[in-house]
PDB file of N, CA and C in Angstrom:
ATOM      1  N   THR A   1      -0.968   4.635 -19.429  1.00  0.00           N
ATOM      2  CA  THR A   1      -0.013   3.929 -18.603  1.00  0.00           C
ATOM      3  C   THR A   1      -0.729   2.774 -17.927  1.00  0.00           C
ATOM      4  N   SER A   2      -0.083   1.639 -17.872  1.00  0.00           N
ATOM      5  CA  SER A   2      -0.736   0.458 -17.322  1.00  0.00           C
ATOM      6  C   SER A   2      -0.491   0.316 -15.821  1.00  0.00           C
ATOM      7  N   PRO A   3      -1.457  -0.308 -15.107  1.00  0.00           N
ATOM      8  CA  PRO A   3      -1.297  -0.532 -13.663  1.00  0.00           C
ATOM      9  C   PRO A   3      -0.011  -1.268 -13.276  1.00  0.00           C
ATOM     10  N   PRO A   4       0.477  -2.270 -14.045  1.00  0.00           N
ATOM     11  CA  PRO A   4       1.731  -2.912 -13.637  1.00  0.00           C
ATOM     12  C   PRO A   4       2.914  -1.936 -13.567  1.00  0.00           C
ATOM     13  N   ILE A   5       2.907  -0.926 -14.408  1.00  0.00           N
ATOM     14  CA  ILE A   5       3.986   0.072 -14.354  1.00  0.00           C
ATOM     15  C   ILE A   5       3.891   0.862 -13.059  1.00  0.00           C
ATOM     16  N   PHE A   6       2.685   1.264 -12.661  1.00  0.00           N
ATOM     17  CA  PHE A   6       2.515   1.985 -11.398  1.00  0.00           C
ATOM     18  C   PHE A   6       3.001   1.129 -10.227  1.00  0.00           C
ATOM     19  N   LYS A   7       2.678  -0.154 -10.256  1.00  0.00           N
ATOM     20  CA  LYS A   7       3.082  -1.049  -9.172  1.00  0.00           C
ATOM     21  C   LYS A   7       4.599  -1.188  -9.130  1.00  0.00           C
ATOM     22  N   LYS A   8       5.241  -1.317 -10.287  1.00  0.00           N
ATOM     23  CA  LYS A   8       6.697  -1.444 -10.348  1.00  0.00           C
ATOM     24  C   LYS A   8       7.377  -0.174  -9.844  1.00  0.00           C
ATOM     25  N   VAL A   9       6.902   0.974 -10.275  1.00  0.00           N
ATOM     26  CA  VAL A   9       7.472   2.242  -9.814  1.00  0.00           C
ATOM     27  C   VAL A   9       7.271   2.386  -8.307  1.00  0.00           C
ATOM     28  N   GLY A  10       6.085   2.042  -7.826  1.00  0.00           N
ATOM     29  CA  GLY A  10       5.819   2.087  -6.396  1.00  0.00           C
ATOM     30  C   GLY A  10       6.782   1.203  -5.620  1.00  0.00           C
ATOM     31  N   PHE A  11       7.048  -0.004  -6.139  1.00  0.00           N
ATOM     32  CA  PHE A  11       7.980  -0.916  -5.478  1.00  0.00           C
ATOM     33  C   PHE A  11       9.359  -0.278  -5.362  1.00  0.00           C
ATOM     34  N   GLU A  12       9.825   0.308  -6.448  1.00  0.00           N
ATOM     35  CA  GLU A  12      11.161   0.915  -6.444  1.00  0.00           C
ATOM     36  C   GLU A  12      11.251   2.060  -5.442  1.00  0.00           C
ATOM     37  N   VAL A  13      10.213   2.898  -5.372  1.00  0.00           N
ATOM     38  CA  VAL A  13      10.202   4.015  -4.419  1.00  0.00           C
ATOM     39  C   VAL A  13      10.162   3.481  -2.987  1.00  0.00           C
ATOM     40  N   GLY A  14       9.275   2.527  -2.725  1.00  0.00           N
ATOM     41  CA  GLY A  14       9.183   1.946  -1.395  1.00  0.00           C
ATOM     42  C   GLY A  14      10.472   1.276  -0.964  1.00  0.00           C
ATOM     43  N   TYR A  15      11.108   0.568  -1.885  1.00  0.00           N
ATOM     44  CA  TYR A  15      12.365  -0.110  -1.579  1.00  0.00           C
ATOM     45  C   TYR A  15      13.451   0.909  -1.242  1.00  0.00           C
ATOM     46  N   ALA A  16      13.466   2.029  -1.952  1.00  0.00           N
ATOM     47  CA  ALA A  16      14.467   3.078  -1.700  1.00  0.00           C
ATOM     48  C   ALA A  16      14.276   3.722  -0.328  1.00  0.00           C
ATOM     49  N   ILE A  17      13.052   3.792   0.138  1.00  0.00           N
ATOM     50  CA  ILE A  17      12.751   4.443   1.415  1.00  0.00           C
ATOM     51  C   ILE A  17      12.866   3.486   2.598  1.00  0.00           C
ATOM     52  N   GLY A  18      12.583   2.219   2.390  1.00  0.00           N
ATOM     53  CA  GLY A  18      12.623   1.237   3.475  1.00  0.00           C
ATOM     54  C   GLY A  18      14.012   1.107   4.071  1.00  0.00           C
ATOM     55  N   LYS A  19      14.050   0.748   5.332  1.00  0.00           N
ATOM     56  CA  LYS A  19      15.313   0.526   6.030  1.00  0.00           C
ATOM     57  C   LYS A  19      15.194  -0.761   6.829  1.00  0.00           C
ATOM     58  N   GLU A  20      16.286  -1.513   6.893  1.00  0.00           N
ATOM     59  CA  GLU A  20      16.275  -2.771   7.619  1.00  0.00           C
ATOM     60  C   GLU A  20      15.753  -2.558   9.042  1.00  0.00           C
ATOM     61  N   GLY A  21      14.846  -3.428   9.440  1.00  0.00           N
ATOM     62  CA  GLY A  21      14.294  -3.365  10.784  1.00  0.00           C
ATOM     63  C   GLY A  21      13.007  -2.568  10.906  1.00  0.00           C
ATOM     64  N   TYR A  22      12.635  -1.819   9.864  1.00  0.00           N
ATOM     65  CA  TYR A  22      11.362  -1.095   9.913  1.00  0.00           C
ATOM     66  C   TYR A  22      10.219  -2.108   9.878  1.00  0.00           C
ATOM     67  N   THR A  23       9.095  -1.734  10.445  1.00  0.00           N
ATOM     68  CA  THR A  23       7.940  -2.621  10.540  1.00  0.00           C
ATOM     69  C   THR A  23       6.751  -2.032   9.785  1.00  0.00           C
ATOM     70  N   LEU A  24       5.680  -2.795   9.761  1.00  0.00           N
ATOM     71  CA  LEU A  24       4.434  -2.308   9.165  1.00  0.00           C
ATOM     72  C   LEU A  24       3.939  -1.077   9.928  1.00  0.00           C
ATOM     73  N   GLU A  25       4.126  -1.062  11.240  1.00  0.00           N
ATOM     74  CA  GLU A  25       3.719   0.093  12.036  1.00  0.00           C
ATOM     75  C   GLU A  25       4.533   1.332  11.669  1.00  0.00           C
ATOM     76  N   ASP A  26       5.823   1.156  11.383  1.00  0.00           N
ATOM     77  CA  ASP A  26       6.656   2.276  10.933  1.00  0.00           C
ATOM     78  C   ASP A  26       6.146   2.809   9.598  1.00  0.00           C
ATOM     79  N   LEU A  27       5.754   1.895   8.712  1.00  0.00           N
ATOM     80  CA  LEU A  27       5.194   2.300   7.428  1.00  0.00           C
ATOM     81  C   LEU A  27       3.895   3.071   7.634  1.00  0.00           C
ATOM     82  N   ALA A  28       3.032   2.602   8.531  1.00  0.00           N
ATOM     83  CA  ALA A  28       1.771   3.295   8.813  1.00  0.00           C
ATOM     84  C   ALA A  28       2.037   4.700   9.333  1.00  0.00           C
ATOM     85  N   ASP A  29       3.025   4.858  10.218  1.00  0.00           N
ATOM     86  CA  ASP A  29       3.381   6.185  10.733  1.00  0.00           C
ATOM     87  C   ASP A  29       3.860   7.094   9.604  1.00  0.00           C
ATOM     88  N   LEU A  30       4.714   6.566   8.735  1.00  0.00           N
ATOM     89  CA  LEU A  30       5.213   7.340   7.596  1.00  0.00           C
ATOM     90  C   LEU A  30       4.059   7.766   6.696  1.00  0.00           C
ATOM     91  N   TRP A  31       3.132   6.853   6.420  1.00  0.00           N
ATOM     92  CA  TRP A  31       1.982   7.123   5.561  1.00  0.00           C
ATOM     93  C   TRP A  31       1.203   8.325   6.078  1.00  0.00           C
ATOM     94  N   GLU A  32       0.975   8.345   7.400  1.00  0.00           N
ATOM     95  CA  GLU A  32       0.226   9.450   7.997  1.00  0.00           C
ATOM     96  C   GLU A  32       1.043  10.734   8.018  1.00  0.00           C
ATOM     97  N   GLN A  33       2.347  10.651   8.275  1.00  0.00           N
ATOM     98  CA  GLN A  33       3.200  11.842   8.264  1.00  0.00           C
ATOM     99  C   GLN A  33       3.194  12.503   6.892  1.00  0.00           C
ATOM    100  N   LEU A  34       3.144  11.686   5.856  1.00  0.00           N
ATOM    101  CA  LEU A  34       3.119  12.210   4.487  1.00  0.00           C
ATOM    102  C   LEU A  34       1.718  12.635   4.043  1.00  0.00           C
ATOM    103  N   LYS A  35       0.753  12.481   4.948  1.00  0.00           N
ATOM    104  CA  LYS A  35      -0.644  12.851   4.691  1.00  0.00           C
ATOM    105  C   LYS A  35      -1.238  12.088   3.506  1.00  0.00           C
ATOM    106  N   LEU A  36      -0.929  10.770   3.473  1.00  0.00           N
ATOM    107  CA  LEU A  36      -1.444   9.916   2.413  1.00  0.00           C
ATOM    108  C   LEU A  36      -2.748   9.236   2.809  1.00  0.00           C
ATOM    109  N   GLY A  37      -3.183   9.447   4.042  1.00  0.00           N
ATOM    110  CA  GLY A  37      -4.427   8.883   4.530  1.00  0.00           C
ATOM    111  C   GLY A  37      -4.300   8.520   5.990  1.00  0.00           C
ATOM    112  N   ASP A  38      -5.414   8.137   6.573  1.00  0.00           N
ATOM    113  CA  ASP A  38      -5.470   7.713   7.965  1.00  0.00           C
ATOM    114  C   ASP A  38      -5.354   6.197   7.985  1.00  0.00           C
ATOM    115  N   VAL A  39      -4.350   5.688   8.677  1.00  0.00           N
ATOM    116  CA  VAL A  39      -3.978   4.279   8.562  1.00  0.00           C
ATOM    117  C   VAL A  39      -4.187   3.516   9.862  1.00  0.00           C
ATOM    118  N   SER A  40      -4.657   2.299   9.703  1.00  0.00           N
ATOM    119  CA  SER A  40      -4.629   1.326  10.784  1.00  0.00           C
ATOM    120  C   SER A  40      -4.059   0.050  10.180  1.00  0.00           C
ATOM    121  N   CYS A  41      -3.429  -0.755  11.021  1.00  0.00           N
ATOM    122  CA  CYS A  41      -2.832  -1.971  10.479  1.00  0.00           C
ATOM    123  C   CYS A  41      -2.945  -3.108  11.468  1.00  0.00           C
ATOM    124  N   SER A  42      -2.905  -4.303  10.908  1.00  0.00           N
ATOM    125  CA  SER A  42      -2.848  -5.530  11.688  1.00  0.00           C
ATOM    126  C   SER A  42      -1.668  -6.318  11.139  1.00  0.00           C
ATOM    127  N   LYS A  43      -1.546  -7.552  11.546  1.00  0.00           N
ATOM    128  CA  LYS A  43      -0.402  -8.365  11.124  1.00  0.00           C
ATOM    129  C   LYS A  43      -0.256  -8.444   9.605  1.00  0.00           C
ATOM    130  N   ASP A  44      -1.376  -8.545   8.893  1.00  0.00           N
ATOM    131  CA  ASP A  44      -1.296  -8.754   7.447  1.00  0.00           C
ATOM    132  C   ASP A  44      -2.202  -7.836   6.629  1.00  0.00           C
ATOM    133  N   THR A  45      -2.638  -6.721   7.224  1.00  0.00           N
ATOM    134  CA  THR A  45      -3.531  -5.805   6.513  1.00  0.00           C
ATOM    135  C   THR A  45      -3.204  -4.361   6.871  1.00  0.00           C
ATOM    136  N   LEU A  46      -3.220  -3.517   5.860  1.00  0.00           N
ATOM    137  CA  LEU A  46      -3.095  -2.078   6.044  1.00  0.00           C
ATOM    138  C   LEU A  46      -4.390  -1.470   5.524  1.00  0.00           C
ATOM    139  N   THR A  47      -5.070  -0.707   6.369  1.00  0.00           N
ATOM    140  CA  THR A  47      -6.334  -0.065   5.982  1.00  0.00           C
ATOM    141  C   THR A  47      -6.118   1.438   5.942  1.00  0.00           C
ATOM    142  N   VAL A  48      -6.536   2.071   4.840  1.00  0.00           N
ATOM    143  CA  VAL A  48      -6.350   3.501   4.657  1.00  0.00           C
ATOM    144  C   VAL A  48      -7.709   4.161   4.448  1.00  0.00           C
ATOM    145  N   GLU A  49      -8.038   5.078   5.339  1.00  0.00           N
ATOM    146  CA  GLU A  49      -9.224   5.910   5.153  1.00  0.00           C
ATOM    147  C   GLU A  49      -8.742   7.263   4.657  1.00  0.00           C
ATOM    148  N   ASN A  50      -9.581   7.952   3.923  1.00  0.00           N
ATOM    149  CA  ASN A  50      -9.214   9.251   3.333  1.00  0.00           C
ATOM    150  C   ASN A  50      -7.975   9.119   2.447  1.00  0.00           C
ATOM    151  N   CYS A  51      -7.966   8.113   1.603  1.00  0.00           N
ATOM    152  CA  CYS A  51      -6.837   7.832   0.720  1.00  0.00           C
ATOM    153  C   CYS A  51      -6.509   9.057  -0.139  1.00  0.00           C
ATOM    154  N   TYR A  52      -5.247   9.417  -0.163  1.00  0.00           N
ATOM    155  CA  TYR A  52      -4.789  10.585  -0.917  1.00  0.00           C
ATOM    156  C   TYR A  52      -5.110  10.475  -2.399  1.00  0.00           C
ATOM    157  N   PHE A  53      -5.153   9.272  -2.915  1.00  0.00           N
ATOM    158  CA  PHE A  53      -5.311   9.097  -4.353  1.00  0.00           C
ATOM    159  C   PHE A  53      -6.755   8.884  -4.780  1.00  0.00           C
ATOM    160  N   CYS A  54      -7.471   8.006  -4.091  1.00  0.00           N
ATOM    161  CA  CYS A  54      -8.753   7.591  -4.654  1.00  0.00           C
ATOM    162  C   CYS A  54      -9.978   7.998  -3.850  1.00  0.00           C
ATOM    163  N   SER A  55      -9.797   8.619  -2.690  1.00  0.00           N
ATOM    164  CA  SER A  55     -10.948   9.006  -1.885  1.00  0.00           C
ATOM    165  C   SER A  55     -11.909   9.868  -2.694  1.00  0.00           C
ATOM    166  N   GLY A  56     -13.146   9.403  -2.792  1.00  0.00           N
ATOM    167  CA  GLY A  56     -14.174  10.139  -3.522  1.00  0.00           C
ATOM    168  C   GLY A  56     -14.304   9.788  -4.991  1.00  0.00           C
ATOM    169  N   LEU A  57     -13.398   8.958  -5.509  1.00  0.00           N
ATOM    170  CA  LEU A  57     -13.498   8.578  -6.916  1.00  0.00           C
ATOM    171  C   LEU A  57     -14.613   7.552  -7.101  1.00  0.00           C
ATOM    172  N   PRO A  58     -15.116   7.423  -8.321  1.00  0.00           N
ATOM    173  CA  PRO A  58     -16.260   6.540  -8.554  1.00  0.00           C
ATOM    174  C   PRO A  58     -15.925   5.051  -8.519  1.00  0.00           C
ATOM    175  N   ASN A  59     -16.965   4.253  -8.301  1.00  0.00           N
ATOM    176  CA  ASN A  59     -16.876   2.801  -8.384  1.00  0.00           C
ATOM    177  C   ASN A  59     -16.757   2.444  -9.865  1.00  0.00           C
ATOM    178  N   VAL A  60     -15.601   1.909 -10.239  1.00  0.00           N
ATOM    179  CA  VAL A  60     -15.353   1.555 -11.635  1.00  0.00           C
ATOM    180  C   VAL A  60     -15.139   0.053 -11.820  1.00  0.00           C
ATOM    181  N   GLY A  61     -15.221  -0.689 -10.720  1.00  0.00           N
ATOM    182  CA  GLY A  61     -15.083  -2.141 -10.808  1.00  0.00           C
ATOM    183  C   GLY A  61     -13.668  -2.666 -10.696  1.00  0.00           C
ATOM    184  N   TYR A  62     -12.721  -1.808 -10.400  1.00  0.00           N
ATOM    185  CA  TYR A  62     -11.339  -2.245 -10.178  1.00  0.00           C
ATOM    186  C   TYR A  62     -10.669  -1.293  -9.183  1.00  0.00           C
ATOM    187  N   THR A  63      -9.550  -1.739  -8.618  1.00  0.00           N
ATOM    188  CA  THR A  63      -8.846  -0.926  -7.636  1.00  0.00           C
ATOM    189  C   THR A  63      -7.988   0.131  -8.318  1.00  0.00           C
ATOM    190  N   TYR A  64      -7.815   1.240  -7.620  1.00  0.00           N
ATOM    191  CA  TYR A  64      -7.022   2.343  -8.154  1.00  0.00           C
ATOM    192  C   TYR A  64      -5.563   2.337  -7.689  1.00  0.00           C
ATOM    193  N   CYS A  65      -5.268   1.769  -6.553  1.00  0.00           N
ATOM    194  CA  CYS A  65      -4.024   2.049  -5.828  1.00  0.00           C
ATOM    195  C   CYS A  65      -2.875   1.089  -6.128  1.00  0.00           C
ATOM    196  N   LYS A  66      -2.551   0.899  -7.384  1.00  0.00           N
ATOM    197  CA  LYS A  66      -1.459   0.000  -7.772  1.00  0.00           C
ATOM    198  C   LYS A  66      -0.105   0.521  -7.299  1.00  0.00           C
ATOM    199  N   PHE A  67       0.117   1.834  -7.354  1.00  0.00           N
ATOM    200  CA  PHE A  67       1.364   2.403  -6.848  1.00  0.00           C
ATOM    201  C   PHE A  67       1.529   2.048  -5.374  1.00  0.00           C
ATOM    202  N   ASP A  68       0.443   2.165  -4.607  1.00  0.00           N
ATOM    203  CA  ASP A  68       0.494   1.860  -3.176  1.00  0.00           C
ATOM    204  C   ASP A  68       0.827   0.390  -2.929  1.00  0.00           C
ATOM    205  N   GLU A  69       0.235  -0.508  -3.720  1.00  0.00           N
ATOM    206  CA  GLU A  69       0.573  -1.931  -3.591  1.00  0.00           C
ATOM    207  C   GLU A  69       2.080  -2.133  -3.741  1.00  0.00           C
ATOM    208  N   GLY A  70       2.635  -1.539  -4.768  1.00  0.00           N
ATOM    209  CA  GLY A  70       4.066  -1.667  -5.012  1.00  0.00           C
ATOM    210  C   GLY A  70       4.906  -1.005  -3.940  1.00  0.00           C
ATOM    211  N   PHE A  71       4.502   0.181  -3.511  1.00  0.00           N
ATOM    212  CA  PHE A  71       5.245   0.919  -2.491  1.00  0.00           C
ATOM    213  C   PHE A  71       5.346   0.108  -1.201  1.00  0.00           C
ATOM    214  N   ILE A  72       4.218  -0.410  -0.747  1.00  0.00           N
ATOM    215  CA  ILE A  72       4.189  -1.182   0.490  1.00  0.00           C
ATOM    216  C   ILE A  72       5.048  -2.441   0.342  1.00  0.00           C
ATOM    217  N   ALA A  73       4.918  -3.129  -0.785  1.00  0.00           N
ATOM    218  CA  ALA A  73       5.712  -4.340  -1.016  1.00  0.00           C
ATOM    219  C   ALA A  73       7.206  -4.021  -1.024  1.00  0.00           C
ATOM    220  N   GLY A  74       7.603  -2.958  -1.695  1.00  0.00           N
ATOM    221  CA  GLY A  74       9.018  -2.588  -1.753  1.00  0.00           C
ATOM    222  C   GLY A  74       9.571  -2.180  -0.401  1.00  0.00           C
ATOM    223  N   PHE A  75       8.813  -1.353   0.320  1.00  0.00           N
ATOM    224  CA  PHE A  75       9.223  -0.893   1.649  1.00  0.00           C
ATOM    225  C   PHE A  75       9.439  -2.073   2.586  1.00  0.00           C
ATOM    226  N   LEU A  76       8.463  -2.975   2.625  1.00  0.00           N
ATOM    227  CA  LEU A  76       8.544  -4.110   3.546  1.00  0.00           C
ATOM    228  C   LEU A  76       9.545  -5.169   3.082  1.00  0.00           C
ATOM    229  N   THR A  77       9.712  -5.340   1.783  1.00  0.00           N
ATOM    230  CA  THR A  77      10.710  -6.278   1.269  1.00  0.00           C
ATOM    231  C   THR A  77      12.101  -5.879   1.755  1.00  0.00           C
ATOM    232  N   LYS A  78      12.418  -4.604   1.637  1.00  0.00           N
ATOM    233  CA  LYS A  78      13.726  -4.136   2.090  1.00  0.00           C
ATOM    234  C   LYS A  78      13.825  -4.175   3.615  1.00  0.00           C
ATOM    235  N   SER A  79      12.778  -3.738   4.289  1.00  0.00           N
ATOM    236  CA  SER A  79      12.809  -3.635   5.746  1.00  0.00           C
ATOM    237  C   SER A  79      12.886  -4.986   6.433  1.00  0.00           C
ATOM    238  N   LEU A  80      12.137  -5.957   5.924  1.00  0.00           N
ATOM    239  CA  LEU A  80      12.057  -7.269   6.565  1.00  0.00           C
ATOM    240  C   LEU A  80      13.001  -8.301   5.954  1.00  0.00           C
ATOM    241  N   LYS A  81      13.609  -7.926   4.818  1.00  0.00           N
ATOM    242  CA  LYS A  81      14.502  -8.837   4.088  1.00  0.00           C
ATOM    243  C   LYS A  81      13.797 -10.141   3.731  1.00  0.00           C
ATOM    244  N   LYS A  82      12.543 -10.006   3.320  1.00  0.00           N
ATOM    245  CA  LYS A  82      11.747 -11.138   2.856  1.00  0.00           C
ATOM    246  C   LYS A  82      10.946 -10.677   1.642  1.00  0.00           C
ATOM    247  N   GLU A  83      10.558 -11.639   0.816  1.00  0.00           N
ATOM    248  CA  GLU A  83       9.717 -11.311  -0.332  1.00  0.00           C
ATOM    249  C   GLU A  83       8.302 -11.032   0.176  1.00  0.00           C
ATOM    250  N   ILE A  84       7.757  -9.895  -0.221  1.00  0.00           N
ATOM    251  CA  ILE A  84       6.430  -9.455   0.210  1.00  0.00           C
ATOM    252  C   ILE A  84       5.571  -9.203  -1.022  1.00  0.00           C
ATOM    253  N   SER A  85       4.331  -9.646  -0.967  1.00  0.00           N
ATOM    254  CA  SER A  85       3.372  -9.262  -2.013  1.00  0.00           C
ATOM    255  C   SER A  85       2.200  -8.552  -1.345  1.00  0.00           C
ATOM    256  N   VAL A  86       1.616  -7.621  -2.072  1.00  0.00           N
ATOM    257  CA  VAL A  86       0.513  -6.807  -1.553  1.00  0.00           C
ATOM    258  C   VAL A  86      -0.583  -6.767  -2.600  1.00  0.00           C
ATOM    259  N   ARG A  87      -1.826  -6.929  -2.129  1.00  0.00           N
ATOM    260  CA  ARG A  87      -2.976  -6.891  -3.035  1.00  0.00           C
ATOM    261  C   ARG A  87      -4.065  -6.048  -2.382  1.00  0.00           C
ATOM    262  N   GLU A  88      -4.538  -5.061  -3.114  1.00  0.00           N
ATOM    263  CA  GLU A  88      -5.639  -4.240  -2.613  1.00  0.00           C
ATOM    264  C   GLU A  88      -6.951  -5.004  -2.792  1.00  0.00           C
ATOM    265  N   THR A  89      -7.684  -5.168  -1.697  1.00  0.00           N
ATOM    266  CA  THR A  89      -8.930  -5.929  -1.735  1.00  0.00           C
ATOM    267  C   THR A  89     -10.166  -5.045  -1.596  1.00  0.00           C
ATOM    268  N   LYS A  90      -9.986  -3.851  -1.046  1.00  0.00           N
ATOM    269  CA  LYS A  90     -11.076  -2.883  -0.943  1.00  0.00           C
ATOM    270  C   LYS A  90     -10.546  -1.547  -1.412  1.00  0.00           C
ATOM    271  N   CYS A  91     -11.402  -0.811  -2.133  1.00  0.00           N
ATOM    272  CA  CYS A  91     -10.979   0.460  -2.712  1.00  0.00           C
ATOM    273  C   CYS A  91     -12.230   1.239  -3.116  1.00  0.00           C
ATOM    274  N   TRP A  92     -12.089   2.547  -3.204  1.00  0.00           N
ATOM    275  CA  TRP A  92     -13.192   3.358  -3.726  1.00  0.00           C
ATOM    276  C   TRP A  92     -13.598   2.862  -5.110  1.00  0.00           C
ATOM    277  N   GLY A  93     -12.634   2.396  -5.874  1.00  0.00           N
ATOM    278  CA  GLY A  93     -12.908   1.888  -7.215  1.00  0.00           C
ATOM    279  C   GLY A  93     -13.777   0.649  -7.237  1.00  0.00           C
ATOM    280  N   LEU A  94     -13.896  -0.021  -6.074  1.00  0.00           N
ATOM    281  CA  LEU A  94     -14.765  -1.200  -5.948  1.00  0.00           C
ATOM    282  C   LEU A  94     -16.026  -0.888  -5.156  1.00  0.00           C
ATOM    283  N   GLY A  95     -16.238   0.396  -4.838  1.00  0.00           N
ATOM    284  CA  GLY A  95     -17.447   0.800  -4.118  1.00  0.00           C
ATOM    285  C   GLY A  95     -17.288   0.903  -2.610  1.00  0.00           C
ATOM    286  N   PHE A  96     -16.077   0.722  -2.087  1.00  0.00           N
ATOM    287  CA  PHE A  96     -15.828   0.871  -0.653  1.00  0.00           C
ATOM    288  C   PHE A  96     -15.406   2.304  -0.372  1.00  0.00           C
ATOM    289  N   GLU A  97     -15.557   2.765   0.859  1.00  0.00           N
ATOM    290  CA  GLU A  97     -15.135   4.118   1.216  1.00  0.00           C
ATOM    291  C   GLU A  97     -13.835   4.090   2.012  1.00  0.00           C
ATOM    292  N   LEU A  98     -12.981   3.132   1.687  1.00  0.00           N
ATOM    293  CA  LEU A  98     -11.647   3.005   2.265  1.00  0.00           C
ATOM    294  C   LEU A  98     -10.848   2.078   1.372  1.00  0.00           C
ATOM    295  N   CYS A  99      -9.557   2.024   1.637  1.00  0.00           N
ATOM    296  CA  CYS A  99      -8.692   1.088   0.924  1.00  0.00           C
ATOM    297  C   CYS A  99      -8.170   0.079   1.929  1.00  0.00           C
ATOM    298  N   GLU A 100      -8.150  -1.184   1.524  1.00  0.00           N
ATOM    299  CA  GLU A 100      -7.601  -2.230   2.378  1.00  0.00           C
ATOM    300  C   GLU A 100      -6.613  -3.032   1.537  1.00  0.00           C
ATOM    301  N   LEU A 101      -5.419  -3.163   2.066  1.00  0.00           N
ATOM    302  CA  LEU A 101      -4.353  -3.838   1.340  1.00  0.00           C
ATOM    303  C   LEU A 101      -3.891  -5.043   2.144  1.00  0.00           C
ATOM    304  N   GLU A 102      -3.977  -6.221   1.537  1.00  0.00           N
ATOM    305  CA  GLU A 102      -3.536  -7.462   2.184  1.00  0.00           C
ATOM    306  C   GLU A 102      -2.058  -7.662   1.903  1.00  0.00           C
ATOM    307  N   ILE A 103      -1.318  -8.015   2.944  1.00  0.00           N
ATOM    308  CA  ILE A 103       0.116  -8.187   2.863  1.00  0.00           C
ATOM    309  C   ILE A 103       0.450  -9.648   3.104  1.00  0.00           C
ATOM    310  N   LYS A 104       1.229 -10.221   2.199  1.00  0.00           N
ATOM    311  CA  LYS A 104       1.623 -11.625   2.336  1.00  0.00           C
ATOM    312  C   LYS A 104       3.145 -11.698   2.367  1.00  0.00           C
ATOM    313  N   ILE A 105       3.663 -12.341   3.405  1.00  0.00           N
ATOM    314  CA  ILE A 105       5.098 -12.549   3.537  1.00  0.00           C
ATOM    315  C   ILE A 105       5.416 -13.946   3.030  1.00  0.00           C
ATOM    316  N   HIS A 106       6.341 -14.026   2.090  1.00  0.00           N
ATOM    317  CA  HIS A 106       6.763 -15.309   1.524  1.00  0.00           C
ATOM    318  C   HIS A 106       8.083 -15.723   2.179  1.00  0.00           C
ATOM    319  N   ASP A 107       8.091 -16.898   2.768  1.00  0.00           N
ATOM    320  CA  ASP A 107       9.314 -17.372   3.447  1.00  0.00           C
ATOM    321  C   ASP A 107      10.238 -18.068   2.492  1.00  0.00           C
TER     322      ASP A 107
END
């Protein structure tokens, strides 16, 4: 299965769960409630420690969390009613011991 499929499925799931008016902080709370990792966020970044999917996996030179990229983009697209893109910049797969996802809002 290819990473773009994981990202697309993640987007659809996130979009189904998102609700108008929800924020990045609401998403971070949901992430922790679902035990998907320990989250901190800023205006344009979501950082996940103890990632449910990739924590402890080897450095393979690419990111693992394509589903998460899509999920976050879908959730925020529906919640904010704006086009959102998400790109993972740090991951266990790149040798980091956390995941960091950059969020870009397109006006």
